[in-house]
N, C-alpha and C. Protein backbone atom coordinates (compact mmCIF):
# COMPACT_ATOMS: atom_id res chain seq x y z
N MET A 1 39.08 62.70 -27.05
CA MET A 1 38.40 61.73 -26.82
C MET A 1 37.24 61.69 -25.98
N SER A 2 36.21 60.99 -25.98
CA SER A 2 34.85 61.10 -24.93
C SER A 2 35.03 60.13 -24.27
N ASP A 3 34.65 60.05 -23.08
CA ASP A 3 34.47 59.20 -22.06
C ASP A 3 33.23 58.47 -22.08
N SER A 4 33.21 57.48 -22.59
CA SER A 4 31.95 56.21 -22.88
C SER A 4 31.91 55.20 -22.12
N PRO A 5 30.94 54.99 -21.36
CA PRO A 5 30.79 53.92 -20.31
C PRO A 5 31.31 52.53 -20.78
N SER A 6 32.06 51.72 -19.97
CA SER A 6 32.29 50.44 -20.63
C SER A 6 30.97 49.34 -20.63
N HIS A 7 31.08 48.52 -21.67
CA HIS A 7 29.78 47.72 -21.80
C HIS A 7 30.52 46.14 -21.44
N SER A 8 31.44 46.24 -20.33
CA SER A 8 31.53 44.81 -20.26
C SER A 8 30.93 44.40 -18.64
N VAL A 9 30.81 43.23 -18.55
CA VAL A 9 30.10 42.71 -17.39
C VAL A 9 30.68 42.59 -16.22
N PRO A 10 30.19 43.02 -14.93
CA PRO A 10 31.20 43.01 -13.91
C PRO A 10 31.70 41.28 -13.35
N SER A 11 32.53 41.54 -12.88
CA SER A 11 33.01 40.38 -12.33
C SER A 11 32.32 39.48 -11.30
N TRP A 12 31.43 40.25 -10.70
CA TRP A 12 30.54 39.51 -9.58
C TRP A 12 29.55 39.01 -9.99
N VAL A 13 29.53 39.30 -11.51
CA VAL A 13 28.10 38.62 -11.98
C VAL A 13 28.91 37.19 -12.50
N TRP A 14 29.95 37.34 -13.17
CA TRP A 14 30.72 36.23 -13.58
C TRP A 14 30.99 35.10 -12.25
N LEU A 15 31.25 35.81 -11.05
CA LEU A 15 31.49 34.73 -10.12
C LEU A 15 29.94 34.27 -9.42
N PHE A 16 29.12 34.85 -9.43
CA PHE A 16 27.75 34.43 -9.20
C PHE A 16 27.05 33.31 -10.23
N THR A 17 27.32 33.50 -11.59
CA THR A 17 26.57 32.50 -12.11
C THR A 17 27.77 31.20 -12.26
N GLY A 18 28.84 31.34 -12.06
CA GLY A 18 29.60 30.05 -11.69
C GLY A 18 29.49 29.38 -10.76
N VAL A 19 29.02 29.88 -9.53
CA VAL A 19 28.81 29.51 -8.34
C VAL A 19 27.23 28.87 -8.26
N ALA A 20 26.26 29.38 -9.02
CA ALA A 20 25.06 28.87 -9.29
C ALA A 20 25.07 27.80 -10.14
N THR A 21 25.80 27.95 -11.32
CA THR A 21 25.83 26.59 -12.03
C THR A 21 26.37 25.53 -11.44
N GLY A 22 27.65 25.81 -10.64
CA GLY A 22 28.44 24.52 -10.09
C GLY A 22 27.16 23.98 -8.74
N LEU A 23 26.55 24.80 -8.15
CA LEU A 23 25.43 24.58 -7.14
C LEU A 23 24.41 23.27 -7.87
N PHE A 24 23.73 23.77 -8.83
CA PHE A 24 22.98 23.27 -9.88
C PHE A 24 23.52 21.91 -10.26
N LEU A 25 24.68 21.90 -10.83
CA LEU A 25 25.31 20.35 -11.29
C LEU A 25 25.29 19.41 -10.02
N ALA A 26 25.69 20.04 -8.88
CA ALA A 26 26.00 19.23 -7.47
C ALA A 26 24.53 18.77 -6.93
N PHE A 27 23.73 19.68 -7.34
CA PHE A 27 22.28 19.07 -6.70
C PHE A 27 21.58 17.88 -7.45
N LEU A 28 21.93 18.06 -9.38
CA LEU A 28 21.61 17.21 -9.96
C LEU A 28 22.38 15.63 -9.80
N TYR A 29 23.78 15.70 -9.36
CA TYR A 29 24.21 15.09 -8.93
C TYR A 29 23.67 14.09 -7.78
N TYR A 30 23.39 14.98 -6.70
CA TYR A 30 22.93 14.35 -5.95
C TYR A 30 21.60 13.66 -6.10
N LEU A 31 20.73 14.10 -6.82
CA LEU A 31 19.36 13.51 -7.22
C LEU A 31 19.49 12.20 -8.10
N ALA A 32 20.33 12.41 -8.63
CA ALA A 32 20.89 10.96 -9.32
C ALA A 32 21.22 9.72 -8.26
N GLY A 33 21.60 10.11 -7.24
CA GLY A 33 21.84 8.60 -6.39
C GLY A 33 20.94 8.68 -5.31
N ILE A 34 19.89 9.16 -5.10
CA ILE A 34 18.82 9.19 -4.21
C ILE A 34 17.91 8.09 -4.96
N GLN A 35 17.68 7.02 -4.35
CA GLN A 35 16.32 5.78 -4.49
C GLN A 35 15.25 6.40 -4.13
N THR A 36 14.38 6.23 -4.90
CA THR A 36 12.94 6.61 -4.48
C THR A 36 12.15 5.28 -3.76
N PRO A 37 11.14 5.73 -2.89
CA PRO A 37 10.61 4.78 -2.35
C PRO A 37 10.09 3.77 -3.15
N ILE A 38 9.93 3.67 -4.15
CA ILE A 38 9.28 2.84 -5.19
C ILE A 38 10.61 1.81 -5.40
N ASP A 39 11.41 2.19 -5.63
CA ASP A 39 12.62 1.59 -5.83
C ASP A 39 12.78 0.79 -4.97
N GLU A 40 13.11 1.09 -3.48
CA GLU A 40 13.38 0.31 -2.26
C GLU A 40 12.48 -0.67 -2.00
N GLY A 41 11.04 -0.20 -2.44
CA GLY A 41 9.99 -1.50 -2.03
C GLY A 41 10.37 -2.82 -3.27
N LYS A 42 10.51 -2.13 -4.24
CA LYS A 42 10.80 -3.50 -5.44
C LYS A 42 12.03 -4.40 -4.67
N LYS A 43 12.90 -3.08 -4.07
CA LYS A 43 14.22 -4.32 -3.90
C LYS A 43 13.89 -5.23 -2.73
N GLN A 44 12.92 -4.77 -1.64
CA GLN A 44 12.74 -5.39 -0.58
C GLN A 44 11.86 -6.44 -0.67
N THR A 45 10.63 -6.69 -1.96
CA THR A 45 9.75 -7.46 -1.99
C THR A 45 10.45 -8.30 -3.22
N GLY A 46 11.73 -7.91 -3.70
CA GLY A 46 12.12 -8.71 -4.68
C GLY A 46 11.74 -8.44 -6.13
N ILE A 47 10.51 -7.56 -6.40
CA ILE A 47 10.32 -7.46 -7.55
C ILE A 47 11.32 -6.78 -8.50
N SER A 48 11.37 -7.42 -9.88
CA SER A 48 12.11 -6.96 -10.76
C SER A 48 11.36 -6.53 -11.97
N GLN A 49 12.12 -6.18 -12.96
CA GLN A 49 11.66 -5.62 -14.19
C GLN A 49 11.69 -6.93 -15.23
N HIS A 50 12.31 -7.98 -14.72
CA HIS A 50 12.23 -9.10 -15.49
C HIS A 50 10.99 -10.14 -15.67
N ARG A 51 11.00 -10.51 -16.95
CA ARG A 51 9.30 -10.54 -17.49
C ARG A 51 9.80 -12.27 -17.54
N PRO A 52 9.21 -13.38 -16.76
CA PRO A 52 9.21 -14.62 -16.58
C PRO A 52 9.03 -15.08 -18.01
N SER A 53 9.35 -16.12 -18.59
CA SER A 53 9.51 -16.42 -19.67
C SER A 53 8.36 -17.69 -19.53
N PRO A 54 7.61 -18.41 -20.71
CA PRO A 54 7.20 -19.25 -19.99
C PRO A 54 7.77 -20.44 -19.80
N GLN A 55 8.97 -21.03 -19.85
CA GLN A 55 9.53 -21.89 -19.02
C GLN A 55 10.02 -21.79 -17.77
N ASP A 56 9.99 -20.54 -17.48
CA ASP A 56 10.35 -20.03 -15.72
C ASP A 56 8.83 -19.81 -14.91
N THR A 57 7.86 -19.99 -15.65
CA THR A 57 6.56 -20.33 -14.99
C THR A 57 6.22 -21.32 -14.46
N PRO A 58 5.99 -21.75 -13.39
CA PRO A 58 5.52 -23.34 -12.88
C PRO A 58 4.03 -24.05 -13.66
N LYS A 59 3.92 -25.25 -13.96
CA LYS A 59 2.91 -25.72 -14.32
C LYS A 59 2.03 -25.66 -13.57
N THR A 60 2.01 -25.63 -12.52
CA THR A 60 0.84 -26.26 -11.68
C THR A 60 0.53 -24.36 -10.90
N PRO A 61 -0.79 -24.47 -10.82
CA PRO A 61 -0.78 -23.23 -9.80
C PRO A 61 -0.44 -23.33 -8.35
N ALA A 62 0.02 -22.13 -7.47
CA ALA A 62 0.69 -22.20 -6.12
C ALA A 62 -0.55 -21.60 -5.56
N PHE A 63 -1.87 -22.11 -5.70
CA PHE A 63 -2.80 -21.60 -4.87
C PHE A 63 -3.10 -22.87 -3.38
N ASP A 64 -2.83 -22.10 -2.43
CA ASP A 64 -3.26 -22.97 -1.46
C ASP A 64 -4.23 -22.99 -0.40
N PHE A 65 -5.08 -21.64 -0.80
CA PHE A 65 -6.22 -21.55 -0.26
C PHE A 65 -7.51 -22.67 -0.44
N TYR A 66 -7.40 -23.74 -1.32
CA TYR A 66 -7.83 -24.82 -1.43
C TYR A 66 -7.91 -25.86 -0.32
N ASN A 67 -6.63 -25.74 0.42
CA ASN A 67 -6.48 -26.72 1.36
C ASN A 67 -6.60 -25.75 2.66
N VAL A 68 -6.49 -24.62 2.79
CA VAL A 68 -6.69 -23.77 3.90
C VAL A 68 -8.00 -23.59 4.52
N LEU A 69 -8.84 -23.00 3.21
CA LEU A 69 -10.11 -22.55 3.61
C LEU A 69 -11.69 -23.66 3.34
N PRO A 70 -11.31 -25.15 3.13
CA PRO A 70 -11.90 -26.01 2.84
C PRO A 70 -13.40 -26.11 3.93
N ASP A 71 -13.33 -25.82 4.85
CA ASP A 71 -14.27 -25.83 6.12
C ASP A 71 -14.78 -24.62 6.75
N THR A 72 -14.48 -23.44 5.68
CA THR A 72 -15.37 -22.22 5.89
C THR A 72 -16.47 -22.05 5.22
N GLU A 73 -17.30 -21.29 5.80
CA GLU A 73 -18.23 -20.79 5.06
C GLU A 73 -19.22 -19.70 5.60
N VAL A 74 -19.49 -18.67 4.97
CA VAL A 74 -19.92 -17.63 5.24
C VAL A 74 -21.46 -17.62 4.64
N ASN A 75 -22.62 -17.36 5.50
CA ASN A 75 -23.85 -17.15 4.93
C ASN A 75 -24.37 -15.77 5.37
N THR A 76 -24.49 -14.99 4.65
CA THR A 76 -25.11 -13.58 4.29
C THR A 76 -26.23 -13.10 3.81
N THR A 77 -27.21 -14.32 3.79
CA THR A 77 -28.39 -14.22 3.43
C THR A 77 -29.77 -14.18 4.61
N LYS A 78 -28.92 -14.33 5.77
CA LYS A 78 -29.60 -14.78 6.88
C LYS A 78 -30.62 -13.53 7.29
N GLY A 79 -30.47 -12.40 7.25
CA GLY A 79 -31.35 -11.26 6.84
C GLY A 79 -31.15 -10.59 8.23
N LYS A 80 -31.97 -9.22 8.40
CA LYS A 80 -32.25 -8.51 9.61
C LYS A 80 -31.14 -7.85 9.74
N GLY A 81 -29.99 -7.76 8.49
CA GLY A 81 -28.72 -6.91 8.71
C GLY A 81 -27.76 -7.34 9.59
N GLN A 82 -27.70 -8.59 9.95
CA GLN A 82 -26.65 -9.52 10.96
C GLN A 82 -25.86 -10.31 10.00
N ILE A 83 -24.52 -10.50 10.32
CA ILE A 83 -23.86 -11.23 9.17
C ILE A 83 -23.95 -12.47 10.17
N SER A 84 -24.22 -13.90 9.46
CA SER A 84 -24.02 -15.11 10.46
C SER A 84 -22.82 -15.56 9.88
N SER A 85 -22.27 -16.36 10.66
CA SER A 85 -21.16 -17.02 10.15
C SER A 85 -21.17 -18.75 10.79
N LYS A 86 -20.67 -19.08 10.08
CA LYS A 86 -20.61 -20.72 10.20
C LYS A 86 -19.38 -21.07 11.36
N THR A 87 -19.81 -21.70 12.28
CA THR A 87 -18.61 -22.26 13.52
C THR A 87 -17.72 -23.25 12.89
N ILE A 88 -16.32 -22.76 12.83
CA ILE A 88 -15.51 -23.96 12.65
C ILE A 88 -15.53 -25.20 13.58
N ASN A 89 -15.00 -24.95 14.77
CA ASN A 89 -15.14 -25.73 15.85
C ASN A 89 -15.78 -24.79 17.03
N ASP A 90 -15.85 -25.53 18.40
CA ASP A 90 -16.56 -24.64 19.31
C ASP A 90 -16.37 -23.56 19.51
N LYS A 91 -15.28 -23.30 19.53
CA LYS A 91 -14.73 -21.80 19.92
C LYS A 91 -14.61 -21.05 18.82
N THR A 92 -14.62 -21.14 17.47
CA THR A 92 -14.15 -20.33 16.49
C THR A 92 -15.29 -19.77 15.51
N THR A 93 -15.13 -18.35 15.15
CA THR A 93 -16.31 -18.13 14.34
C THR A 93 -15.63 -17.19 13.26
N ILE A 94 -16.10 -16.92 12.30
CA ILE A 94 -15.57 -15.83 11.25
C ILE A 94 -15.97 -14.65 11.40
N GLU A 95 -15.23 -13.62 11.33
CA GLU A 95 -15.47 -12.12 11.06
C GLU A 95 -15.14 -11.47 9.62
N THR A 96 -15.86 -10.59 9.51
CA THR A 96 -16.05 -10.04 8.35
C THR A 96 -14.97 -8.73 8.26
N LEU A 97 -14.11 -8.55 7.47
CA LEU A 97 -13.16 -7.47 7.46
C LEU A 97 -12.97 -6.65 5.95
N LEU A 98 -12.41 -5.43 5.78
CA LEU A 98 -12.32 -4.89 4.30
C LEU A 98 -10.52 -4.50 4.42
N GLN A 99 -9.91 -5.27 3.79
CA GLN A 99 -8.73 -5.31 3.41
C GLN A 99 -8.20 -3.93 2.48
N THR A 100 -7.55 -3.09 3.15
CA THR A 100 -7.62 -1.71 2.33
C THR A 100 -6.02 -1.88 1.40
N GLY A 101 -5.06 -2.40 1.85
CA GLY A 101 -3.66 -2.69 1.39
C GLY A 101 -2.98 -3.81 2.14
N ALA A 102 -2.16 -4.28 1.52
CA ALA A 102 -0.90 -4.67 2.11
C ALA A 102 0.23 -4.34 2.01
N PHE A 103 1.30 -4.13 2.65
CA PHE A 103 2.45 -3.46 2.34
C PHE A 103 3.70 -3.77 2.95
N THR A 104 4.82 -3.49 2.11
CA THR A 104 6.24 -4.33 2.77
C THR A 104 6.64 -3.44 3.82
N LEU A 105 6.49 -2.09 3.57
CA LEU A 105 7.01 -1.13 4.11
C LEU A 105 5.88 -0.54 5.30
N PRO A 106 6.48 -0.35 6.78
CA PRO A 106 5.24 0.05 7.92
C PRO A 106 4.90 1.61 7.46
N LYS A 107 5.72 2.38 6.95
CA LYS A 107 5.56 3.86 6.83
C LYS A 107 3.93 3.82 5.70
N ASP A 108 4.38 2.58 4.65
CA ASP A 108 3.18 2.69 3.56
C ASP A 108 2.16 2.20 4.37
N ALA A 109 1.98 1.61 5.21
CA ALA A 109 0.69 0.98 6.02
C ALA A 109 0.38 1.95 6.80
N ASP A 110 1.03 2.96 7.66
CA ASP A 110 0.83 3.83 8.37
C ASP A 110 -0.09 4.88 7.47
N LYS A 111 0.66 4.98 6.25
CA LYS A 111 0.11 6.42 5.44
C LYS A 111 -1.67 5.84 5.12
N ARG A 112 -1.96 4.46 4.66
CA ARG A 112 -3.06 3.68 4.15
C ARG A 112 -3.91 3.91 5.54
N ARG A 113 -3.35 3.51 6.61
CA ARG A 113 -4.28 3.50 8.20
C ARG A 113 -5.01 5.35 8.41
N ALA A 114 -3.80 5.70 8.05
CA ALA A 114 -4.43 7.54 8.44
C ALA A 114 -5.61 7.90 7.38
N GLU A 115 -5.53 7.57 6.20
CA GLU A 115 -6.53 7.64 5.20
C GLU A 115 -7.82 7.21 5.40
N VAL A 116 -7.61 6.11 6.16
CA VAL A 116 -9.16 5.47 6.45
C VAL A 116 -9.80 5.85 7.61
N LEU A 117 -8.73 6.18 8.53
CA LEU A 117 -9.18 6.53 9.81
C LEU A 117 -9.59 8.14 9.77
N LEU A 118 -9.41 8.82 8.70
CA LEU A 118 -9.94 10.42 8.22
C LEU A 118 -11.20 9.76 8.04
N LEU A 119 -11.58 9.01 7.22
CA LEU A 119 -13.17 8.41 6.94
C LEU A 119 -13.92 8.23 7.79
N GLY A 120 -13.50 8.06 9.30
CA GLY A 120 -14.04 7.48 10.29
C GLY A 120 -14.56 6.12 10.53
N LEU A 121 -13.51 5.39 9.89
CA LEU A 121 -13.87 4.14 10.16
C LEU A 121 -12.62 3.27 10.87
N ASN A 122 -13.33 2.09 11.62
CA ASN A 122 -12.22 1.37 12.62
C ASN A 122 -11.45 0.40 11.74
N VAL A 123 -10.18 1.03 11.92
CA VAL A 123 -9.12 0.03 10.92
C VAL A 123 -7.91 0.12 12.14
N ASN A 124 -6.85 -1.05 11.60
CA ASN A 124 -6.25 -1.46 12.33
C ASN A 124 -4.83 -2.52 11.50
N ILE A 125 -3.54 -2.44 11.78
CA ILE A 125 -2.80 -2.93 10.98
C ILE A 125 -2.40 -4.55 11.52
N GLU A 126 -2.02 -5.33 10.66
CA GLU A 126 -1.86 -6.63 10.89
C GLU A 126 -0.75 -6.87 10.54
N THR A 127 0.33 -7.32 11.18
CA THR A 127 1.61 -7.73 10.28
C THR A 127 1.57 -9.29 10.11
N VAL A 128 1.87 -9.90 9.30
CA VAL A 128 2.00 -11.08 8.83
C VAL A 128 3.34 -11.79 8.39
N ASP A 129 3.65 -12.46 8.47
CA ASP A 129 4.83 -13.21 7.77
C ASP A 129 4.63 -14.46 6.87
N ILE A 130 4.58 -14.21 5.55
CA ILE A 130 4.00 -15.08 4.30
C ILE A 130 5.40 -15.43 3.64
N LYS A 131 5.82 -16.69 3.88
CA LYS A 131 6.82 -17.57 3.03
C LYS A 131 8.06 -16.76 3.05
N GLY A 132 8.20 -16.39 4.45
CA GLY A 132 9.18 -15.26 4.81
C GLY A 132 9.42 -14.23 4.88
N LYS A 133 8.53 -13.57 4.13
CA LYS A 133 8.02 -11.88 3.70
C LYS A 133 7.09 -11.46 4.68
N ILE A 134 7.69 -10.45 5.59
CA ILE A 134 6.78 -9.46 6.48
C ILE A 134 5.63 -8.33 5.29
N TYR A 135 4.49 -8.50 5.77
CA TYR A 135 3.35 -7.64 4.97
C TYR A 135 2.51 -7.01 6.15
N HIS A 136 2.06 -5.85 5.93
CA HIS A 136 1.40 -5.01 6.82
C HIS A 136 0.15 -4.84 6.26
N ARG A 137 -0.91 -5.67 6.88
CA ARG A 137 -2.52 -5.30 6.43
C ARG A 137 -2.99 -4.53 7.23
N VAL A 138 -3.62 -3.61 5.84
CA VAL A 138 -4.53 -2.57 6.65
C VAL A 138 -5.87 -2.93 6.22
N GLN A 139 -6.36 -3.23 7.42
CA GLN A 139 -8.10 -3.74 7.58
C GLN A 139 -8.86 -2.88 8.28
N VAL A 140 -10.15 -2.83 7.89
CA VAL A 140 -11.34 -2.08 8.29
C VAL A 140 -12.19 -3.19 8.79
N GLY A 141 -12.38 -2.86 9.86
CA GLY A 141 -13.62 -3.78 10.91
C GLY A 141 -13.39 -4.27 12.11
N PRO A 142 -14.05 -5.63 12.61
CA PRO A 142 -15.08 -6.15 12.08
C PRO A 142 -16.40 -5.33 11.45
N PHE A 143 -17.00 -6.15 11.14
CA PHE A 143 -18.37 -5.40 11.12
C PHE A 143 -19.48 -6.37 11.82
N LYS A 144 -20.84 -5.34 12.59
CA LYS A 144 -21.41 -6.23 12.86
C LYS A 144 -22.83 -6.44 12.33
N SER A 145 -22.75 -5.57 11.16
CA SER A 145 -23.90 -5.96 10.34
C SER A 145 -23.81 -5.72 8.81
N ASN A 146 -24.54 -6.44 8.02
CA ASN A 146 -24.59 -6.33 6.43
C ASN A 146 -24.40 -4.37 6.23
N ALA A 147 -25.26 -3.83 6.66
CA ALA A 147 -25.56 -2.47 6.74
C ALA A 147 -24.12 -1.66 6.58
N ALA A 148 -23.53 -1.87 7.86
CA ALA A 148 -22.15 -1.15 8.42
C ALA A 148 -21.23 -1.99 7.09
N LEU A 149 -20.82 -3.04 6.97
CA LEU A 149 -20.44 -3.43 5.73
C LEU A 149 -20.35 -2.61 4.45
N ASP A 150 -21.84 -2.61 3.86
CA ASP A 150 -21.90 -1.88 2.65
C ASP A 150 -21.94 -0.43 3.03
N ASN A 151 -21.94 0.34 3.98
CA ASN A 151 -21.55 1.41 4.12
C ASN A 151 -20.13 2.13 4.18
N ALA A 152 -19.47 1.21 4.43
CA ALA A 152 -17.81 0.93 4.45
C ALA A 152 -17.34 0.87 3.37
N LYS A 153 -18.02 -0.50 2.54
CA LYS A 153 -17.66 -0.69 1.08
C LYS A 153 -17.84 0.88 0.19
N LEU A 154 -18.99 1.32 0.50
CA LEU A 154 -19.15 3.01 -0.05
C LEU A 154 -18.26 3.93 -0.13
N LEU A 155 -18.13 4.02 1.37
CA LEU A 155 -17.15 5.37 1.86
C LEU A 155 -15.75 5.07 0.98
N LEU A 156 -15.40 3.57 1.02
CA LEU A 156 -13.78 3.76 0.41
C LEU A 156 -14.23 3.93 -1.07
N LYS A 157 -15.24 3.33 -1.74
CA LYS A 157 -15.36 3.34 -3.25
C LYS A 157 -15.38 4.91 -3.71
N GLN A 158 -16.32 5.60 -2.75
CA GLN A 158 -16.23 6.98 -2.96
C GLN A 158 -14.86 7.71 -2.78
N ASN A 159 -14.03 7.21 -2.10
CA ASN A 159 -12.84 7.67 -1.79
C ASN A 159 -11.64 7.19 -2.75
N SER A 160 -11.92 6.40 -3.65
CA SER A 160 -11.19 5.71 -4.54
C SER A 160 -10.26 5.06 -3.75
N ILE A 161 -10.51 4.25 -2.81
CA ILE A 161 -9.38 3.45 -1.98
C ILE A 161 -9.85 2.02 -2.29
N GLU A 162 -9.21 1.27 -3.09
CA GLU A 162 -9.55 -0.15 -3.21
C GLU A 162 -9.27 -1.21 -2.15
N HIS A 163 -10.37 -2.20 -2.29
CA HIS A 163 -10.16 -2.90 -0.84
C HIS A 163 -10.64 -4.47 -1.50
N LEU A 164 -10.59 -5.39 -0.41
CA LEU A 164 -10.77 -6.60 -0.61
C LEU A 164 -11.66 -6.97 0.75
N GLN A 165 -12.90 -7.87 0.44
CA GLN A 165 -13.61 -8.25 1.55
C GLN A 165 -12.84 -10.02 1.74
N ARG A 166 -12.60 -9.83 3.21
CA ARG A 166 -12.02 -11.15 3.85
C ARG A 166 -12.81 -11.65 5.32
N GLN A 167 -12.52 -12.80 5.06
CA GLN A 167 -13.33 -13.74 6.33
C GLN A 167 -12.24 -14.08 7.09
N LYS A 168 -12.10 -13.83 8.55
CA LYS A 168 -11.32 -14.15 9.28
C LYS A 168 -11.29 -14.80 10.32
N PRO A 169 -10.96 -16.55 10.91
CA PRO A 169 -11.47 -16.78 11.70
C PRO A 169 -11.33 -16.33 13.18
N THR A 170 -12.08 -15.82 13.93
CA THR A 170 -11.76 -15.51 15.65
C THR A 170 -12.12 -16.51 16.48
N LYS A 171 -11.53 -16.54 17.73
CA LYS A 171 -11.53 -17.64 18.64
C LYS A 171 -12.53 -16.87 20.10
């Protein structure tokens, strides 16, 4: 008889394969238990996947800005690049801001603030409580002229950052 090499697989290969498979399955089990930031945000804001039926929706709109802003008016046609504002009372004027987001998580607001800061714009975060929920508003401005406002809008648009123009009363 001749000595031929054995074609069996060494035991260390089987051991390594078993350990690697076990670690992979444990990793998948770990990933299944992790909640993504999107899921956490939905829980904090109360967003659910349930679509309201027509019976669930209120009959009257829940807009309160009709009552909140009846005396404010901003005249932007004054010219010479200056934003003019109507004085609500003796000490209050209106300033123009661009809001680039309102987030329930402070870390999301900080991330957006960093993005806007890298564009060279003046940005701040305002924390507000609206109907028992805390929101962190990321706002650019205030602007001293219409030209500065238009430049900021263009810069945000070029960098795909959505924004809203807001007027805010100041004292």
